[in-house]
C-alpha atoms as a PDB file:
ATOM      1  CA  MET A   1      70.697  15.973   6.250  1.00  0.00           C
ATOM      2  CA  TRP A   2      68.212  13.184   5.497  1.00  0.00           C
ATOM      3  CA  PHE A   3      66.350  14.017   8.676  1.00  0.00           C
ATOM      4  CA  LEU A   4      65.941  17.645   7.588  1.00  0.00           C
ATOM      5  CA  LEU A   5      64.733  16.645   4.117  1.00  0.00           C
ATOM      6  CA  ARG A   6      62.223  14.183   5.567  1.00  0.00           C
ATOM      7  CA  LEU A   7      61.031  16.804   8.045  1.00  0.00           C
ATOM      8  CA  VAL A   8      60.517  19.432   5.320  1.00  0.00           C
ATOM      9  CA  GLY A   9      58.819  16.840   3.082  1.00  0.00           C
ATOM     10  CA  GLY A  10      56.526  15.705   5.906  1.00  0.00           C
ATOM     11  CA  VAL A  11      55.539  19.263   6.826  1.00  0.00           C
ATOM     12  CA  THR A  12      54.918  20.096   3.161  1.00  0.00           C
ATOM     13  CA  LEU A  13      52.767  16.994   2.685  1.00  0.00           C
ATOM     14  CA  ALA A  14      50.818  17.712   5.884  1.00  0.00           C
ATOM     15  CA  LEU A  15      50.153  21.305   4.811  1.00  0.00           C
ATOM     16  CA  PHE A  16      49.043  20.188   1.354  1.00  0.00           C
ATOM     17  CA  LEU A  17      46.684  17.512   2.696  1.00  0.00           C
ATOM     18  CA  GLY A  18      45.288  19.790   5.398  1.00  0.00           C
ATOM     19  CA  LEU A  19      44.620  22.698   3.065  1.00  0.00           C
ATOM     20  CA  SER A  20      43.220  20.439   0.331  1.00  0.00           C
ATOM     21  CA  SER A  21      40.789  18.731   2.696  1.00  0.00           C
ATOM     22  CA  ALA A  22      39.657  22.079   4.149  1.00  0.00           C
ATOM     23  CA  TYR A  23      39.103  23.469   0.637  1.00  0.00           C
ATOM     24  CA  TYR A  24      37.146  20.381  -0.418  1.00  0.00           C
ATOM     25  CA  THR A  25      35.015  20.473   2.719  1.00  0.00           C
ATOM     26  CA  ALA A  26      34.263  24.178   2.346  1.00  0.00           C
ATOM     27  CA  ARG A  27      33.163  23.655  -1.264  1.00  0.00           C
ATOM     28  CA  ASN A  28      31.245  20.395  -1.049  1.00  0.00           C
ATOM     29  CA  VAL A  29      30.281  19.014   2.329  1.00  0.00           C
ATOM     30  CA  GLY A  30      27.572  19.510   4.904  1.00  0.00           C
ATOM     31  CA  PHE A  31      25.390  22.290   3.528  1.00  0.00           C
ATOM     32  CA  GLU A  32      22.317  20.304   2.588  1.00  0.00           C
ATOM     33  CA  ARG A  33      20.513  21.040   5.844  1.00  0.00           C
ATOM     34  CA  PHE A  34      20.678  24.795   5.172  1.00  0.00           C
ATOM     35  CA  ILE A  35      19.690  24.636   1.495  1.00  0.00           C
ATOM     36  CA  VAL A  36      16.162  25.585   0.471  1.00  0.00           C
ATOM     37  CA  SER A  37      14.853  24.681  -2.987  1.00  0.00           C
ATOM     38  CA  ASN A  38      12.319  26.577  -5.042  1.00  0.00           C
ATOM     39  CA  GLY A  39      11.862  25.027  -8.493  1.00  0.00           C
ATOM     40  CA  PRO A  40      15.288  25.061 -10.166  1.00  0.00           C
ATOM     41  CA  TRP A  41      16.567  27.637  -7.669  1.00  0.00           C
ATOM     42  CA  THR A  42      18.340  26.924  -4.376  1.00  0.00           C
ATOM     43  CA  THR A  43      19.473  29.238  -1.593  1.00  0.00           C
ATOM     44  CA  ASP A  44      21.559  28.813   1.539  1.00  0.00           C
ATOM     45  CA  LEU A  45      19.720  30.267   4.519  1.00  0.00           C
ATOM     46  CA  THR A  46      22.929  30.894   6.457  1.00  0.00           C
ATOM     47  CA  SER A  47      24.943  32.824   3.833  1.00  0.00           C
ATOM     48  CA  GLY A  48      25.657  36.291   5.122  1.00  0.00           C
ATOM     49  CA  GLY A  49      23.972  35.620   8.457  1.00  0.00           C
ATOM     50  CA  VAL A  50      25.136  35.256  12.024  1.00  0.00           C
ATOM     51  CA  ASP A  51      24.323  31.530  11.858  1.00  0.00           C
ATOM     52  CA  ALA A  52      26.943  30.930   9.166  1.00  0.00           C
ATOM     53  CA  GLY A  53      29.544  28.482  10.414  1.00  0.00           C
ATOM     54  CA  MET A  54      33.185  28.404   9.474  1.00  0.00           C
ATOM     55  CA  TYR A  55      32.618  26.195   6.425  1.00  0.00           C
ATOM     56  CA  THR A  56      29.798  28.389   5.103  1.00  0.00           C
ATOM     57  CA  ARG A  57      31.986  31.462   5.551  1.00  0.00           C
ATOM     58  CA  ALA A  58      34.858  29.694   3.806  1.00  0.00           C
ATOM     59  CA  ARG A  59      32.594  28.674   0.913  1.00  0.00           C
ATOM     60  CA  VAL A  60      31.348  32.255   0.582  1.00  0.00           C
ATOM     61  CA  ALA A  61      34.948  33.494   0.518  1.00  0.00           C
ATOM     62  CA  ILE A  62      36.006  30.870  -2.045  1.00  0.00           C
ATOM     63  CA  THR A  63      33.110  31.518  -4.432  1.00  0.00           C
ATOM     64  CA  GLY A  64      33.334  35.305  -4.104  1.00  0.00           C
ATOM     65  CA  LEU A  65      29.661  35.701  -3.209  1.00  0.00           C
ATOM     66  CA  LEU A  66      30.256  38.463  -0.617  1.00  0.00           C
ATOM     67  CA  ALA A  67      26.904  37.647   0.904  1.00  0.00           C
ATOM     68  CA  LEU A  68      24.712  40.162   2.694  1.00  0.00           C
ATOM     69  CA  ASN A  69      22.337  39.022   5.415  1.00  0.00           C
ATOM     70  CA  GLN A  70      18.960  37.610   4.394  1.00  0.00           C
ATOM     71  CA  SER A  71      16.937  40.763   5.151  1.00  0.00           C
ATOM     72  CA  GLU A  72      19.145  42.696   2.717  1.00  0.00           C
ATOM     73  CA  ALA A  73      19.582  40.092  -0.038  1.00  0.00           C
ATOM     74  CA  ILE A  74      18.684  36.524  -0.886  1.00  0.00           C
ATOM     75  CA  TYR A  75      20.831  34.710  -3.430  1.00  0.00           C
ATOM     76  CA  TYR A  76      19.228  31.916  -5.441  1.00  0.00           C
ATOM     77  CA  ILE A  77      21.440  29.730  -7.623  1.00  0.00           C
ATOM     78  CA  ALA A  78      20.274  27.482 -10.459  1.00  0.00           C
ATOM     79  CA  LYS A  79      22.507  24.694 -11.720  1.00  0.00           C
ATOM     80  CA  ARG A  80      19.547  22.847 -13.264  1.00  0.00           C
ATOM     81  CA  ASP A  81      16.538  23.812 -15.343  1.00  0.00           C
ATOM     82  CA  SER A  82      12.928  23.448 -14.193  1.00  0.00           C
ATOM     83  CA  ALA A  83      12.833  19.867 -15.543  1.00  0.00           C
ATOM     84  CA  GLY A  84      15.765  18.933 -13.285  1.00  0.00           C
ATOM     85  CA  ASP A  85      18.394  18.634 -16.027  1.00  0.00           C
ATOM     86  CA  THR A  86      21.842  20.150 -15.484  1.00  0.00           C
ATOM     87  CA  LEU A  87      22.308  23.446 -17.352  1.00  0.00           C
ATOM     88  CA  ASP A  88      24.235  22.700 -20.542  1.00  0.00           C
ATOM     89  CA  GLY A  89      26.390  25.340 -22.223  1.00  0.00           C
ATOM     90  CA  ASN A  90      25.477  23.929 -25.647  1.00  0.00           C
ATOM     91  CA  CYS A  91      21.768  24.590 -25.078  1.00  0.00           C
ATOM     92  CA  SER A  92      19.564  27.665 -25.099  1.00  0.00           C
ATOM     93  CA  TYR A  93      17.200  28.365 -22.201  1.00  0.00           C
ATOM     94  CA  ARG A  94      14.248  30.601 -21.482  1.00  0.00           C
ATOM     95  CA  ILE A  95      13.860  32.165 -18.034  1.00  0.00           C
ATOM     96  CA  GLU A  96      10.270  33.316 -17.735  1.00  0.00           C
ATOM     97  CA  GLY A  97       8.387  35.008 -14.936  1.00  0.00           C
ATOM     98  CA  ARG A  98       7.218  38.180 -13.254  1.00  0.00           C
ATOM     99  CA  ASP A  99       9.158  40.506 -11.012  1.00  0.00           C
ATOM    100  CA  PRO A 100      10.066  38.688  -7.797  1.00  0.00           C
ATOM    101  CA  ASP A 101       8.991  40.345  -4.538  1.00  0.00           C
ATOM    102  CA  ALA A 102      12.040  42.539  -3.956  1.00  0.00           C
ATOM    103  CA  ARG A 103      12.981  46.174  -4.236  1.00  0.00           C
ATOM    104  CA  TRP A 104      15.518  45.257  -6.932  1.00  0.00           C
ATOM    105  CA  TRP A 105      16.643  42.000  -8.537  1.00  0.00           C
ATOM    106  CA  SER A 106      19.117  40.710 -11.098  1.00  0.00           C
ATOM    107  CA  ILE A 107      19.788  37.488 -13.003  1.00  0.00           C
ATOM    108  CA  THR A 108      23.432  36.765 -13.882  1.00  0.00           C
ATOM    109  CA  ALA A 109      25.170  33.833 -15.566  1.00  0.00           C
ATOM    110  CA  TYR A 110      28.527  32.640 -14.221  1.00  0.00           C
ATOM    111  CA  ALA A 111      31.086  30.248 -15.659  1.00  0.00           C
ATOM    112  CA  ASN A 112      31.986  27.143 -13.658  1.00  0.00           C
ATOM    113  CA  ASP A 113      34.897  29.046 -12.073  1.00  0.00           C
ATOM    114  CA  ASN A 114      32.397  31.457 -10.383  1.00  0.00           C
ATOM    115  CA  PHE A 115      33.495  34.376 -12.575  1.00  0.00           C
ATOM    116  CA  LEU A 116      31.491  36.201 -15.225  1.00  0.00           C
ATOM    117  CA  ILE A 117      31.513  34.455 -18.589  1.00  0.00           C
ATOM    118  CA  ASP A 118      34.170  35.954 -20.854  1.00  0.00           C
ATOM    119  CA  THR A 119      32.189  37.272 -23.794  1.00  0.00           C
ATOM    120  CA  PRO A 120      32.861  40.203 -26.144  1.00  0.00           C
ATOM    121  CA  SER A 121      29.198  41.255 -25.945  1.00  0.00           C
ATOM    122  CA  HIS A 122      29.383  41.897 -22.154  1.00  0.00           C
ATOM    123  CA  ASN A 123      25.835  40.544 -21.797  1.00  0.00           C
ATOM    124  CA  TYR A 124      26.287  39.161 -18.293  1.00  0.00           C
ATOM    125  CA  SER A 125      22.935  39.895 -16.683  1.00  0.00           C
ATOM    126  CA  VAL A 126      19.523  41.508 -16.727  1.00  0.00           C
ATOM    127  CA  SER A 127      17.832  43.310 -13.871  1.00  0.00           C
ATOM    128  CA  LYS A 128      14.550  44.782 -12.724  1.00  0.00           C
ATOM    129  CA  THR A 129      15.500  48.085 -14.341  1.00  0.00           C
ATOM    130  CA  SER A 130      16.865  46.684 -17.624  1.00  0.00           C
ATOM    131  CA  VAL A 131      14.593  43.746 -18.512  1.00  0.00           C
ATOM    132  CA  VAL A 132      11.962  44.241 -21.208  1.00  0.00           C
ATOM    133  CA  ARG A 133       8.507  42.959 -20.223  1.00  0.00           C
ATOM    134  CA  SER A 134       5.369  42.208 -22.206  1.00  0.00           C
ATOM    135  CA  ALA A 135       2.186  44.228 -21.601  1.00  0.00           C
ATOM    136  CA  ASP A 136       1.042  41.749 -18.938  1.00  0.00           C
ATOM    137  CA  GLY A 137       4.273  42.190 -16.917  1.00  0.00           C
ATOM    138  CA  ILE A 138       5.905  38.890 -17.879  1.00  0.00           C
ATOM    139  CA  PHE A 139       9.560  38.887 -18.884  1.00  0.00           C
ATOM    140  CA  VAL A 140      11.421  36.298 -20.942  1.00  0.00           C
ATOM    141  CA  VAL A 141      15.203  36.170 -20.625  1.00  0.00           C
ATOM    142  CA  ARG A 142      17.225  34.097 -23.078  1.00  0.00           C
ATOM    143  CA  LEU A 143      20.318  32.195 -21.941  1.00  0.00           C
ATOM    144  CA  SER A 144      22.314  31.059 -24.953  1.00  0.00           C
ATOM    145  CA  PRO A 145      25.739  31.099 -26.563  1.00  0.00           C
ATOM    146  CA  ALA A 146      24.228  32.867 -29.622  1.00  0.00           C
ATOM    147  CA  ALA A 147      23.167  36.501 -29.411  1.00  0.00           C
ATOM    148  CA  GLU A 148      19.484  37.375 -29.041  1.00  0.00           C
ATOM    149  CA  GLN A 149      17.858  40.759 -29.641  1.00  0.00           C
ATOM    150  CA  GLN A 150      16.671  41.554 -26.120  1.00  0.00           C
ATOM    151  CA  ASN A 151      16.857  40.181 -22.597  1.00  0.00           C
ATOM    152  CA  TRP A 152      19.818  38.007 -23.549  1.00  0.00           C
ATOM    153  CA  ILE A 153      22.526  36.620 -21.253  1.00  0.00           C
ATOM    154  CA  ALA A 154      25.531  34.945 -22.873  1.00  0.00           C
ATOM    155  CA  THR A 155      26.439  31.436 -21.717  1.00  0.00           C
ATOM    156  CA  SER A 156      29.583  29.324 -21.953  1.00  0.00           C
ATOM    157  CA  PRO A 157      29.873  25.988 -23.791  1.00  0.00           C
ATOM    158  CA  ALA A 158      32.171  24.921 -20.924  1.00  0.00           C
ATOM    159  CA  GLY A 159      29.237  25.171 -18.509  1.00  0.00           C
ATOM    160  CA  PHE A 160      27.522  27.783 -16.390  1.00  0.00           C
ATOM    161  CA  ASP A 161      25.078  28.423 -13.607  1.00  0.00           C
ATOM    162  CA  VAL A 162      22.657  31.266 -12.988  1.00  0.00           C
ATOM    163  CA  MET A 163      22.244  33.481  -9.936  1.00  0.00           C
ATOM    164  CA  LEU A 164      19.067  35.372  -9.057  1.00  0.00           C
ATOM    165  CA  ARG A 165      19.711  38.095  -6.495  1.00  0.00           C
ATOM    166  CA  LEU A 166      16.807  39.633  -4.602  1.00  0.00           C
ATOM    167  CA  TYR A 167      17.803  42.867  -2.867  1.00  0.00           C
ATOM    168  CA  ASN A 168      15.551  44.011  -0.029  1.00  0.00           C
ATOM    169  CA  PRO A 169      13.264  41.005  -0.508  1.00  0.00           C
ATOM    170  CA  GLY A 170       9.656  41.212   0.664  1.00  0.00           C
ATOM    171  CA  ALA A 171       8.754  39.947   4.132  1.00  0.00           C
ATOM    172  CA  THR A 172       7.046  36.823   2.757  1.00  0.00           C
ATOM    173  CA  VAL A 173      10.187  35.900   0.781  1.00  0.00           C
ATOM    174  CA  VAL A 174      12.389  36.319   3.853  1.00  0.00           C
ATOM    175  CA  LYS A 175       9.965  34.270   5.947  1.00  0.00           C
ATOM    176  CA  ASP A 176       9.757  31.380   3.451  1.00  0.00           C
ATOM    177  CA  PRO A 177      12.245  31.505   0.521  1.00  0.00           C
ATOM    178  CA  SER A 178      10.944  28.136  -0.708  1.00  0.00           C
ATOM    179  CA  ALA A 179       7.507  29.646  -1.443  1.00  0.00           C
ATOM    180  CA  ALA A 180       8.665  32.806  -3.248  1.00  0.00           C
ATOM    181  CA  PHE A 181       7.369  33.282  -6.780  1.00  0.00           C
ATOM    182  CA  LEU A 182      10.484  32.807  -8.935  1.00  0.00           C
ATOM    183  CA  PRO A 183      10.930  32.492 -12.698  1.00  0.00           C
ATOM    184  CA  SER A 184      11.082  29.127 -14.448  1.00  0.00           C
ATOM    185  CA  ILE A 185      14.042  27.943 -16.537  1.00  0.00           C
ATOM    186  CA  THR A 186      13.101  25.963 -19.648  1.00  0.00           C
ATOM    187  CA  LYS A 187      15.483  24.283 -22.100  1.00  0.00           C
ATOM    188  CA  GLU A 188      14.652  25.255 -25.685  1.00  0.00           C
ATOM    189  CA  VAL A 189      17.238  23.841 -28.124  1.00  0.00           C
ATOM    190  CA  CYS A 190      20.686  22.262 -28.015  1.00  0.00           C
ATOM    191  CA  SER A 191      23.385  22.348 -30.646  1.00  0.00           C
END
């Protein structure tokens, strides 16, 4: 009887340790060589592509990105502002820029669990077709926990990050994602 209990306990422990280490590795290890930075934005050049290894595919599955290949979409993620500070859910930010070189784009805020931020306003994102621009073509999007009148995305005091999706990006963006013209993220005020 003791042998059976020790066997079941050993198998259970081995499964737990194996799955935990695989999950940790898929989320955190070894992706730096594929990451390209552009201001506060980063992108993984292998997401959605044939060059994606097993850990990249696992990370995509875990985070729910459902990545398309790079010629169809490029996904930039910002966890920091343009000054290099981590995005803080108790602060308000301004995302400012012109339309990126893509057929269509969107900017969306996500909670730390990779899901949309639970907010009664349902202000999760803005896009090329919904953003209000000034006469010179510049848009300003507000990221804050408090409602704004236009171009507002709700944030979470528990933390958040921002994703910029470029669908059918221009050839120059595909060729060099680090040189694409992307909007800045500037911290305004903190509570």
